[in-house]
Amino acid sequence: NFSGKSLDRPTFLALKNVVNSGDTIVV
């Protein structure tokens, strides 16, 4: 639960750090 004004969001950054080559993210 976070504003979308910036990508500097805790959970979003955590996802960004965990993904690897070949992964797929769905929104």
mmCIF file of all heavy atoms, coordinates in Angstrom:
data_MODEL
# 
_entry.id   MODEL 
# 
loop_
_atom_site.group_PDB 
_atom_site.id 
_atom_site.type_symbol 
_atom_site.label_atom_id 
_atom_site.label_alt_id 
_atom_site.label_comp_id 
_atom_site.label_asym_id 
_atom_site.label_entity_id 
_atom_site.label_seq_id 
_atom_site.pdbx_PDB_ins_code 
_atom_site.Cartn_x 
_atom_site.Cartn_y 
_atom_site.Cartn_z 
_atom_site.occupancy 
_atom_site.B_iso_or_equiv 
_atom_site.pdbx_formal_charge 
_atom_site.auth_seq_id 
_atom_site.auth_comp_id 
_atom_site.auth_asym_id 
_atom_site.auth_atom_id 
_atom_site.pdbx_PDB_model_num 
ATOM 1   N N   . ASN A 1 1  ? 0.874  -1.175  0.000   1.00 0.00 ? 1  ASN A N   1 
ATOM 2   C CA  . ASN A 1 1  ? 0.000  0.000   0.000   1.00 0.00 ? 1  ASN A CA  1 
ATOM 3   C C   . ASN A 1 1  ? 0.903  1.215   0.000   1.00 0.00 ? 1  ASN A C   1 
ATOM 4   O O   . ASN A 1 1  ? 1.441  1.602   1.026   1.00 0.00 ? 1  ASN A O   1 
ATOM 5   C CB  . ASN A 1 1  ? -0.884 -0.026  1.255   1.00 0.00 ? 1  ASN A CB  1 
ATOM 6   C CG  . ASN A 1 1  ? -1.977 1.033   1.208   1.00 0.00 ? 1  ASN A CG  1 
ATOM 7   O OD1 . ASN A 1 1  ? -1.722 2.177   0.858   1.00 0.00 ? 1  ASN A OD1 1 
ATOM 8   N ND2 . ASN A 1 1  ? -3.177 0.652   1.589   1.00 0.00 ? 1  ASN A ND2 1 
ATOM 9   N N   . PHE A 1 2  ? 1.081  1.810   -1.182  1.00 0.00 ? 2  PHE A N   1 
ATOM 10  C CA  . PHE A 1 2  ? 2.059  2.886   -1.314  1.00 0.00 ? 2  PHE A CA  1 
ATOM 11  C C   . PHE A 1 2  ? 1.711  3.728   -2.537  1.00 0.00 ? 2  PHE A C   1 
ATOM 12  O O   . PHE A 1 2  ? 1.225  3.229   -3.541  1.00 0.00 ? 2  PHE A O   1 
ATOM 13  C CB  . PHE A 1 2  ? 3.468  2.298   -1.477  1.00 0.00 ? 2  PHE A CB  1 
ATOM 14  C CG  . PHE A 1 2  ? 4.555  3.057   -0.777  1.00 0.00 ? 2  PHE A CG  1 
ATOM 15  C CD1 . PHE A 1 2  ? 4.951  2.714   0.502   1.00 0.00 ? 2  PHE A CD1 1 
ATOM 16  C CD2 . PHE A 1 2  ? 5.170  4.130   -1.395  1.00 0.00 ? 2  PHE A CD2 1 
ATOM 17  C CE1 . PHE A 1 2  ? 5.966  3.411   1.148   1.00 0.00 ? 2  PHE A CE1 1 
ATOM 18  C CE2 . PHE A 1 2  ? 6.179  4.836   -0.771  1.00 0.00 ? 2  PHE A CE2 1 
ATOM 19  C CZ  . PHE A 1 2  ? 6.578  4.476   0.515   1.00 0.00 ? 2  PHE A CZ  1 
ATOM 20  N N   . SER A 1 3  ? 2.003  5.021   -2.460  1.00 0.00 ? 3  SER A N   1 
ATOM 21  C CA  . SER A 1 3  ? 1.752  5.920   -3.587  1.00 0.00 ? 3  SER A CA  1 
ATOM 22  C C   . SER A 1 3  ? 2.595  5.525   -4.792  1.00 0.00 ? 3  SER A C   1 
ATOM 23  O O   . SER A 1 3  ? 3.730  5.063   -4.645  1.00 0.00 ? 3  SER A O   1 
ATOM 24  C CB  . SER A 1 3  ? 2.086  7.363   -3.183  1.00 0.00 ? 3  SER A CB  1 
ATOM 25  O OG  . SER A 1 3  ? 2.082  8.223   -4.321  1.00 0.00 ? 3  SER A OG  1 
ATOM 26  N N   . GLY A 1 4  ? 2.037  5.735   -5.981  1.00 0.00 ? 4  GLY A N   1 
ATOM 27  C CA  . GLY A 1 4  ? 2.758  5.417   -7.203  1.00 0.00 ? 4  GLY A CA  1 
ATOM 28  C C   . GLY A 1 4  ? 3.517  6.586   -7.788  1.00 0.00 ? 4  GLY A C   1 
ATOM 29  O O   . GLY A 1 4  ? 4.004  6.519   -8.929  1.00 0.00 ? 4  GLY A O   1 
ATOM 30  N N   . LYS A 1 5  ? 3.657  7.661   -7.020  1.00 0.00 ? 5  LYS A N   1 
ATOM 31  C CA  . LYS A 1 5  ? 4.342  8.845   -7.537  1.00 0.00 ? 5  LYS A CA  1 
ATOM 32  C C   . LYS A 1 5  ? 5.805  8.578   -7.851  1.00 0.00 ? 5  LYS A C   1 
ATOM 33  O O   . LYS A 1 5  ? 6.405  9.210   -8.708  1.00 0.00 ? 5  LYS A O   1 
ATOM 34  C CB  . LYS A 1 5  ? 4.226  10.000  -6.535  1.00 0.00 ? 5  LYS A CB  1 
ATOM 35  C CG  . LYS A 1 5  ? 2.826  10.563  -6.397  1.00 0.00 ? 5  LYS A CG  1 
ATOM 36  C CD  . LYS A 1 5  ? 2.791  11.708  -5.407  1.00 0.00 ? 5  LYS A CD  1 
ATOM 37  C CE  . LYS A 1 5  ? 1.390  12.278  -5.268  1.00 0.00 ? 5  LYS A CE  1 
ATOM 38  N NZ  . LYS A 1 5  ? 1.339  13.398  -4.282  1.00 0.00 ? 5  LYS A NZ  1 
ATOM 39  N N   . SER A 1 6  ? 6.405  7.657   -7.115  1.00 0.00 ? 6  SER A N   1 
ATOM 40  C CA  . SER A 1 6  ? 7.811  7.327   -7.301  1.00 0.00 ? 6  SER A CA  1 
ATOM 41  C C   . SER A 1 6  ? 7.992  5.816   -7.239  1.00 0.00 ? 6  SER A C   1 
ATOM 42  O O   . SER A 1 6  ? 7.191  5.105   -6.628  1.00 0.00 ? 6  SER A O   1 
ATOM 43  C CB  . SER A 1 6  ? 8.657  8.006   -6.217  1.00 0.00 ? 6  SER A CB  1 
ATOM 44  O OG  . SER A 1 6  ? 9.983  7.499   -6.214  1.00 0.00 ? 6  SER A OG  1 
ATOM 45  N N   . LEU A 1 7  ? 9.055  5.325   -7.861  1.00 0.00 ? 7  LEU A N   1 
ATOM 46  C CA  . LEU A 1 7  ? 9.369  3.902   -7.784  1.00 0.00 ? 7  LEU A CA  1 
ATOM 47  C C   . LEU A 1 7  ? 10.148 3.558   -6.519  1.00 0.00 ? 7  LEU A C   1 
ATOM 48  O O   . LEU A 1 7  ? 10.435 2.383   -6.263  1.00 0.00 ? 7  LEU A O   1 
ATOM 49  C CB  . LEU A 1 7  ? 10.197 3.469   -9.005  1.00 0.00 ? 7  LEU A CB  1 
ATOM 50  C CG  . LEU A 1 7  ? 9.556  3.632   -10.388 1.00 0.00 ? 7  LEU A CG  1 
ATOM 51  C CD1 . LEU A 1 7  ? 10.390 2.916   -11.435 1.00 0.00 ? 7  LEU A CD1 1 
ATOM 52  C CD2 . LEU A 1 7  ? 8.125  3.124   -10.415 1.00 0.00 ? 7  LEU A CD2 1 
ATOM 53  N N   . ASP A 1 8  ? 10.453 4.553   -5.734  1.00 0.00 ? 8  ASP A N   1 
ATOM 54  C CA  . ASP A 1 8  ? 11.198 4.342   -4.491  1.00 0.00 ? 8  ASP A CA  1 
ATOM 55  C C   . ASP A 1 8  ? 10.245 3.843   -3.407  1.00 0.00 ? 8  ASP A C   1 
ATOM 56  O O   . ASP A 1 8  ? 9.883  4.558   -2.487  1.00 0.00 ? 8  ASP A O   1 
ATOM 57  C CB  . ASP A 1 8  ? 11.875 5.648   -4.058  1.00 0.00 ? 8  ASP A CB  1 
ATOM 58  C CG  . ASP A 1 8  ? 12.809 5.444   -2.868  1.00 0.00 ? 8  ASP A CG  1 
ATOM 59  O OD1 . ASP A 1 8  ? 13.153 4.284   -2.598  1.00 0.00 ? 8  ASP A OD1 1 
ATOM 60  O OD2 . ASP A 1 8  ? 13.171 6.443   -2.222  1.00 0.00 ? 8  ASP A OD2 1 
ATOM 61  N N   . ARG A 1 9  ? 9.838  2.556   -3.558  1.00 0.00 ? 9  ARG A N   1 
ATOM 62  C CA  . ARG A 1 9  ? 8.895  1.922   -2.653  1.00 0.00 ? 9  ARG A CA  1 
ATOM 63  C C   . ARG A 1 9  ? 9.513  0.634   -2.114  1.00 0.00 ? 9  ARG A C   1 
ATOM 64  O O   . ARG A 1 9  ? 10.112 -0.131  -2.884  1.00 0.00 ? 9  ARG A O   1 
ATOM 65  C CB  . ARG A 1 9  ? 7.579  1.621   -3.385  1.00 0.00 ? 9  ARG A CB  1 
ATOM 66  C CG  . ARG A 1 9  ? 6.974  2.831   -4.092  1.00 0.00 ? 9  ARG A CG  1 
ATOM 67  C CD  . ARG A 1 9  ? 5.594  2.537   -4.650  1.00 0.00 ? 9  ARG A CD  1 
ATOM 68  N NE  . ARG A 1 9  ? 5.571  1.492   -5.649  1.00 0.00 ? 9  ARG A NE  1 
ATOM 69  C CZ  . ARG A 1 9  ? 5.650  1.713   -6.969  1.00 0.00 ? 9  ARG A CZ  1 
ATOM 70  N NH1 . ARG A 1 9  ? 5.767  2.953   -7.426  1.00 0.00 ? 9  ARG A NH1 1 
ATOM 71  N NH2 . ARG A 1 9  ? 5.618  0.709   -7.826  1.00 0.00 ? 9  ARG A NH2 1 
ATOM 72  N N   . PRO A 1 10 ? 9.398  0.364   -0.819  1.00 0.00 ? 10 PRO A N   1 
ATOM 73  C CA  . PRO A 1 10 ? 10.090 -0.769  -0.197  1.00 0.00 ? 10 PRO A CA  1 
ATOM 74  C C   . PRO A 1 10 ? 9.855  -2.112  -0.877  1.00 0.00 ? 10 PRO A C   1 
ATOM 75  O O   . PRO A 1 10 ? 10.810 -2.824  -1.220  1.00 0.00 ? 10 PRO A O   1 
ATOM 76  C CB  . PRO A 1 10 ? 9.541  -0.766  1.235   1.00 0.00 ? 10 PRO A CB  1 
ATOM 77  C CG  . PRO A 1 10 ? 9.108  0.633   1.479   1.00 0.00 ? 10 PRO A CG  1 
ATOM 78  C CD  . PRO A 1 10 ? 8.607  1.148   0.163   1.00 0.00 ? 10 PRO A CD  1 
ATOM 79  N N   . THR A 1 11 ? 8.590  -2.479  -1.066  1.00 0.00 ? 11 THR A N   1 
ATOM 80  C CA  . THR A 1 11 ? 8.286  -3.789  -1.638  1.00 0.00 ? 11 THR A CA  1 
ATOM 81  C C   . THR A 1 11 ? 8.666  -3.863  -3.111  1.00 0.00 ? 11 THR A C   1 
ATOM 82  O O   . THR A 1 11 ? 9.163  -4.890  -3.592  1.00 0.00 ? 11 THR A O   1 
ATOM 83  C CB  . THR A 1 11 ? 6.792  -4.117  -1.457  1.00 0.00 ? 11 THR A CB  1 
ATOM 84  O OG1 . THR A 1 11 ? 6.474  -4.072  -0.061  1.00 0.00 ? 11 THR A OG1 1 
ATOM 85  C CG2 . THR A 1 11 ? 6.438  -5.481  -2.002  1.00 0.00 ? 11 THR A CG2 1 
ATOM 86  N N   . PHE A 1 12 ? 8.444  -2.783  -3.809  1.00 0.00 ? 12 PHE A N   1 
ATOM 87  C CA  . PHE A 1 12 ? 8.814  -2.727  -5.231  1.00 0.00 ? 12 PHE A CA  1 
ATOM 88  C C   . PHE A 1 12 ? 10.321 -2.913  -5.398  1.00 0.00 ? 12 PHE A C   1 
ATOM 89  O O   . PHE A 1 12 ? 10.781 -3.664  -6.270  1.00 0.00 ? 12 PHE A O   1 
ATOM 90  C CB  . PHE A 1 12 ? 8.367  -1.402  -5.835  1.00 0.00 ? 12 PHE A CB  1 
ATOM 91  C CG  . PHE A 1 12 ? 8.638  -1.280  -7.310  1.00 0.00 ? 12 PHE A CG  1 
ATOM 92  C CD1 . PHE A 1 12 ? 7.772  -1.837  -8.235  1.00 0.00 ? 12 PHE A CD1 1 
ATOM 93  C CD2 . PHE A 1 12 ? 9.773  -0.631  -7.769  1.00 0.00 ? 12 PHE A CD2 1 
ATOM 94  C CE1 . PHE A 1 12 ? 8.029  -1.739  -9.606  1.00 0.00 ? 12 PHE A CE1 1 
ATOM 95  C CE2 . PHE A 1 12 ? 10.039 -0.526  -9.130  1.00 0.00 ? 12 PHE A CE2 1 
ATOM 96  C CZ  . PHE A 1 12 ? 9.165  -1.079  -10.046 1.00 0.00 ? 12 PHE A CZ  1 
ATOM 97  N N   . LEU A 1 13 ? 11.104 -2.238  -4.563  1.00 0.00 ? 13 LEU A N   1 
ATOM 98  C CA  . LEU A 1 13 ? 12.561 -2.353  -4.631  1.00 0.00 ? 13 LEU A CA  1 
ATOM 99  C C   . LEU A 1 13 ? 13.014 -3.767  -4.263  1.00 0.00 ? 13 LEU A C   1 
ATOM 100 O O   . LEU A 1 13 ? 13.981 -4.282  -4.831  1.00 0.00 ? 13 LEU A O   1 
ATOM 101 C CB  . LEU A 1 13 ? 13.217 -1.326  -3.711  1.00 0.00 ? 13 LEU A CB  1 
ATOM 102 C CG  . LEU A 1 13 ? 13.024 0.147   -4.104  1.00 0.00 ? 13 LEU A CG  1 
ATOM 103 C CD1 . LEU A 1 13 ? 13.652 1.070   -3.065  1.00 0.00 ? 13 LEU A CD1 1 
ATOM 104 C CD2 . LEU A 1 13 ? 13.613 0.421   -5.483  1.00 0.00 ? 13 LEU A CD2 1 
ATOM 105 N N   . ALA A 1 14 ? 12.296 -4.384  -3.312  1.00 0.00 ? 14 ALA A N   1 
ATOM 106 C CA  . ALA A 1 14 ? 12.623 -5.761  -2.932  1.00 0.00 ? 14 ALA A CA  1 
ATOM 107 C C   . ALA A 1 14 ? 12.417 -6.704  -4.115  1.00 0.00 ? 14 ALA A C   1 
ATOM 108 O O   . ALA A 1 14 ? 13.238 -7.593  -4.375  1.00 0.00 ? 14 ALA A O   1 
ATOM 109 C CB  . ALA A 1 14 ? 11.766 -6.196  -1.747  1.00 0.00 ? 14 ALA A CB  1 
ATOM 110 N N   . LEU A 1 15 ? 11.312 -6.514  -4.842  1.00 0.00 ? 15 LEU A N   1 
ATOM 111 C CA  . LEU A 1 15 ? 11.044 -7.323  -6.036  1.00 0.00 ? 15 LEU A CA  1 
ATOM 112 C C   . LEU A 1 15 ? 12.119 -7.090  -7.086  1.00 0.00 ? 15 LEU A C   1 
ATOM 113 O O   . LEU A 1 15 ? 12.632 -8.042  -7.700  1.00 0.00 ? 15 LEU A O   1 
ATOM 114 C CB  . LEU A 1 15 ? 9.664  -6.970  -6.599  1.00 0.00 ? 15 LEU A CB  1 
ATOM 115 C CG  . LEU A 1 15 ? 9.318  -7.579  -7.966  1.00 0.00 ? 15 LEU A CG  1 
ATOM 116 C CD1 . LEU A 1 15 ? 9.317  -9.102  -7.889  1.00 0.00 ? 15 LEU A CD1 1 
ATOM 117 C CD2 . LEU A 1 15 ? 7.968  -7.056  -8.454  1.00 0.00 ? 15 LEU A CD2 1 
ATOM 118 N N   . LYS A 1 16 ? 12.465 -5.840  -7.274  1.00 0.00 ? 16 LYS A N   1 
ATOM 119 C CA  . LYS A 1 16 ? 13.481 -5.481  -8.261  1.00 0.00 ? 16 LYS A CA  1 
ATOM 120 C C   . LYS A 1 16 ? 14.813 -6.174  -7.974  1.00 0.00 ? 16 LYS A C   1 
ATOM 121 O O   . LYS A 1 16 ? 15.530 -6.584  -8.896  1.00 0.00 ? 16 LYS A O   1 
ATOM 122 C CB  . LYS A 1 16 ? 13.662 -3.958  -8.255  1.00 0.00 ? 16 LYS A CB  1 
ATOM 123 C CG  . LYS A 1 16 ? 14.623 -3.415  -9.285  1.00 0.00 ? 16 LYS A CG  1 
ATOM 124 C CD  . LYS A 1 16 ? 14.647 -1.899  -9.211  1.00 0.00 ? 16 LYS A CD  1 
ATOM 125 C CE  . LYS A 1 16 ? 15.702 -1.328  -10.136 1.00 0.00 ? 16 LYS A CE  1 
ATOM 126 N NZ  . LYS A 1 16 ? 15.739 0.161   -10.049 1.00 0.00 ? 16 LYS A NZ  1 
ATOM 127 N N   . ASN A 1 17 ? 15.107 -6.347  -6.703  1.00 0.00 ? 17 ASN A N   1 
ATOM 128 C CA  . ASN A 1 17 ? 16.379 -6.957  -6.309  1.00 0.00 ? 17 ASN A CA  1 
ATOM 129 C C   . ASN A 1 17 ? 16.370 -8.479  -6.397  1.00 0.00 ? 17 ASN A C   1 
ATOM 130 O O   . ASN A 1 17 ? 17.427 -9.101  -6.504  1.00 0.00 ? 17 ASN A O   1 
ATOM 131 C CB  . ASN A 1 17 ? 16.745 -6.532  -4.882  1.00 0.00 ? 17 ASN A CB  1 
ATOM 132 C CG  . ASN A 1 17 ? 17.126 -5.064  -4.780  1.00 0.00 ? 17 ASN A CG  1 
ATOM 133 O OD1 . ASN A 1 17 ? 17.623 -4.484  -5.747  1.00 0.00 ? 17 ASN A OD1 1 
ATOM 134 N ND2 . ASN A 1 17 ? 16.887 -4.466  -3.621  1.00 0.00 ? 17 ASN A ND2 1 
ATOM 135 N N   . VAL A 1 18 ? 15.178 -9.086  -6.351  1.00 0.00 ? 18 VAL A N   1 
ATOM 136 C CA  . VAL A 1 18 ? 15.109 -10.541 -6.288  1.00 0.00 ? 18 VAL A CA  1 
ATOM 137 C C   . VAL A 1 18 ? 14.982 -11.200 -7.661  1.00 0.00 ? 18 VAL A C   1 
ATOM 138 O O   . VAL A 1 18 ? 15.310 -12.385 -7.815  1.00 0.00 ? 18 VAL A O   1 
ATOM 139 C CB  . VAL A 1 18 ? 13.938 -10.985 -5.374  1.00 0.00 ? 18 VAL A CB  1 
ATOM 140 C CG1 . VAL A 1 18 ? 12.608 -10.907 -6.104  1.00 0.00 ? 18 VAL A CG1 1 
ATOM 141 C CG2 . VAL A 1 18 ? 14.172 -12.394 -4.833  1.00 0.00 ? 18 VAL A CG2 1 
ATOM 142 N N   . VAL A 1 19 ? 14.512 -10.455 -8.656  1.00 0.00 ? 19 VAL A N   1 
ATOM 143 C CA  . VAL A 1 19 ? 14.298 -11.064 -9.972  1.00 0.00 ? 19 VAL A CA  1 
ATOM 144 C C   . VAL A 1 19 ? 15.630 -11.383 -10.657 1.00 0.00 ? 19 VAL A C   1 
ATOM 145 O O   . VAL A 1 19 ? 16.627 -10.686 -10.475 1.00 0.00 ? 19 VAL A O   1 
ATOM 146 C CB  . VAL A 1 19 ? 13.453 -10.152 -10.898 1.00 0.00 ? 19 VAL A CB  1 
ATOM 147 C CG1 . VAL A 1 19 ? 12.032 -10.059 -10.404 1.00 0.00 ? 19 VAL A CG1 1 
ATOM 148 C CG2 . VAL A 1 19 ? 14.073 -8.770  -11.039 1.00 0.00 ? 19 VAL A CG2 1 
ATOM 149 N N   . ASN A 1 20 ? 15.603 -12.455 -11.439 1.00 0.00 ? 20 ASN A N   1 
ATOM 150 C CA  . ASN A 1 20 ? 16.781 -12.894 -12.180 1.00 0.00 ? 20 ASN A CA  1 
ATOM 151 C C   . ASN A 1 20 ? 16.446 -13.080 -13.655 1.00 0.00 ? 20 ASN A C   1 
ATOM 152 O O   . ASN A 1 20 ? 15.260 -13.065 -14.048 1.00 0.00 ? 20 ASN A O   1 
ATOM 153 C CB  . ASN A 1 20 ? 17.319 -14.214 -11.611 1.00 0.00 ? 20 ASN A CB  1 
ATOM 154 C CG  . ASN A 1 20 ? 17.828 -14.067 -10.190 1.00 0.00 ? 20 ASN A CG  1 
ATOM 155 O OD1 . ASN A 1 20 ? 18.705 -13.243 -9.930  1.00 0.00 ? 20 ASN A OD1 1 
ATOM 156 N ND2 . ASN A 1 20 ? 17.285 -14.866 -9.267  1.00 0.00 ? 20 ASN A ND2 1 
ATOM 157 N N   . SER A 1 21 ? 17.461 -13.261 -14.452 1.00 0.00 ? 21 SER A N   1 
ATOM 158 C CA  . SER A 1 21 ? 17.274 -13.484 -15.887 1.00 0.00 ? 21 SER A CA  1 
ATOM 159 C C   . SER A 1 21 ? 16.321 -14.653 -16.129 1.00 0.00 ? 21 SER A C   1 
ATOM 160 O O   . SER A 1 21 ? 16.431 -15.711 -15.496 1.00 0.00 ? 21 SER A O   1 
ATOM 161 C CB  . SER A 1 21 ? 18.632 -13.786 -16.534 1.00 0.00 ? 21 SER A CB  1 
ATOM 162 O OG  . SER A 1 21 ? 18.482 -14.119 -17.894 1.00 0.00 ? 21 SER A OG  1 
ATOM 163 N N   . GLY A 1 22 ? 15.338 -14.424 -17.018 1.00 0.00 ? 22 GLY A N   1 
ATOM 164 C CA  . GLY A 1 22 ? 14.354 -15.449 -17.334 1.00 0.00 ? 22 GLY A CA  1 
ATOM 165 C C   . GLY A 1 22 ? 13.081 -15.359 -16.521 1.00 0.00 ? 22 GLY A C   1 
ATOM 166 O O   . GLY A 1 22 ? 12.100 -16.044 -16.817 1.00 0.00 ? 22 GLY A O   1 
ATOM 167 N N   . ASP A 1 23 ? 13.073 -14.523 -15.481 1.00 0.00 ? 23 ASP A N   1 
ATOM 168 C CA  . ASP A 1 23 ? 11.868 -14.365 -14.652 1.00 0.00 ? 23 ASP A CA  1 
ATOM 169 C C   . ASP A 1 23 ? 10.812 -13.537 -15.369 1.00 0.00 ? 23 ASP A C   1 
ATOM 170 O O   . ASP A 1 23 ? 11.103 -12.773 -16.300 1.00 0.00 ? 23 ASP A O   1 
ATOM 171 C CB  . ASP A 1 23 ? 12.216 -13.687 -13.324 1.00 0.00 ? 23 ASP A CB  1 
ATOM 172 C CG  . ASP A 1 23 ? 12.894 -14.628 -12.341 1.00 0.00 ? 23 ASP A CG  1 
ATOM 173 O OD1 . ASP A 1 23 ? 12.798 -15.849 -12.554 1.00 0.00 ? 23 ASP A OD1 1 
ATOM 174 O OD2 . ASP A 1 23 ? 13.530 -14.145 -11.388 1.00 0.00 ? 23 ASP A OD2 1 
ATOM 175 N N   . THR A 1 24 ? 9.574  -13.676 -14.893 1.00 0.00 ? 24 THR A N   1 
ATOM 176 C CA  . THR A 1 24 ? 8.448  -12.897 -15.428 1.00 0.00 ? 24 THR A CA  1 
ATOM 177 C C   . THR A 1 24 ? 7.664  -12.291 -14.276 1.00 0.00 ? 24 THR A C   1 
ATOM 178 O O   . THR A 1 24 ? 7.311  -12.990 -13.327 1.00 0.00 ? 24 THR A O   1 
ATOM 179 C CB  . THR A 1 24 ? 7.498  -13.790 -16.266 1.00 0.00 ? 24 THR A CB  1 
ATOM 180 O OG1 . THR A 1 24 ? 8.225  -14.333 -17.369 1.00 0.00 ? 24 THR A OG1 1 
ATOM 181 C CG2 . THR A 1 24 ? 6.317  -12.977 -16.785 1.00 0.00 ? 24 THR A CG2 1 
ATOM 182 N N   . ILE A 1 25 ? 7.410  -11.005 -14.388 1.00 0.00 ? 25 ILE A N   1 
ATOM 183 C CA  . ILE A 1 25 ? 6.597  -10.279 -13.402 1.00 0.00 ? 25 ILE A CA  1 
ATOM 184 C C   . ILE A 1 25 ? 5.246  -9.977  -14.037 1.00 0.00 ? 25 ILE A C   1 
ATOM 185 O O   . ILE A 1 25 ? 5.176  -9.559  -15.199 1.00 0.00 ? 25 ILE A O   1 
ATOM 186 C CB  . ILE A 1 25 ? 7.261  -8.943  -12.996 1.00 0.00 ? 25 ILE A CB  1 
ATOM 187 C CG1 . ILE A 1 25 ? 8.653  -9.189  -12.406 1.00 0.00 ? 25 ILE A CG1 1 
ATOM 188 C CG2 . ILE A 1 25 ? 6.382  -8.180  -12.003 1.00 0.00 ? 25 ILE A CG2 1 
ATOM 189 C CD1 . ILE A 1 25 ? 9.458  -7.906  -12.221 1.00 0.00 ? 25 ILE A CD1 1 
ATOM 190 N N   . VAL A 1 26 ? 4.169  -10.171 -13.268 1.00 0.00 ? 26 VAL A N   1 
ATOM 191 C CA  . VAL A 1 26 ? 2.828  -9.828  -13.755 1.00 0.00 ? 26 VAL A CA  1 
ATOM 192 C C   . VAL A 1 26 ? 2.229  -8.725  -12.881 1.00 0.00 ? 26 VAL A C   1 
ATOM 193 O O   . VAL A 1 26 ? 2.304  -8.785  -11.652 1.00 0.00 ? 26 VAL A O   1 
ATOM 194 C CB  . VAL A 1 26 ? 1.889  -11.051 -13.745 1.00 0.00 ? 26 VAL A CB  1 
ATOM 195 C CG1 . VAL A 1 26 ? 0.444  -10.624 -14.022 1.00 0.00 ? 26 VAL A CG1 1 
ATOM 196 C CG2 . VAL A 1 26 ? 2.310  -12.048 -14.803 1.00 0.00 ? 26 VAL A CG2 1 
ATOM 197 N N   . VAL A 1 27 ? 1.637  -7.718  -13.535 1.00 0.00 ? 27 VAL A N   1 
ATOM 198 C CA  . VAL A 1 27 ? 0.881  -6.670  -12.840 1.00 0.00 ? 27 VAL A CA  1 
ATOM 199 C C   . VAL A 1 27 ? -0.489 -6.581  -13.482 1.00 0.00 ? 27 VAL A C   1 
ATOM 200 O O   . VAL A 1 27 ? -0.665 -6.936  -14.652 1.00 0.00 ? 27 VAL A O   1 
ATOM 201 C CB  . VAL A 1 27 ? 1.587  -5.296  -12.910 1.00 0.00 ? 27 VAL A CB  1 
ATOM 202 C CG1 . VAL A 1 27 ? 2.895  -5.299  -12.142 1.00 0.00 ? 27 VAL A CG1 1 
ATOM 203 C CG2 . VAL A 1 27 ? 1.821  -4.872  -14.365 1.00 0.00 ? 27 VAL A CG2 1 
# 
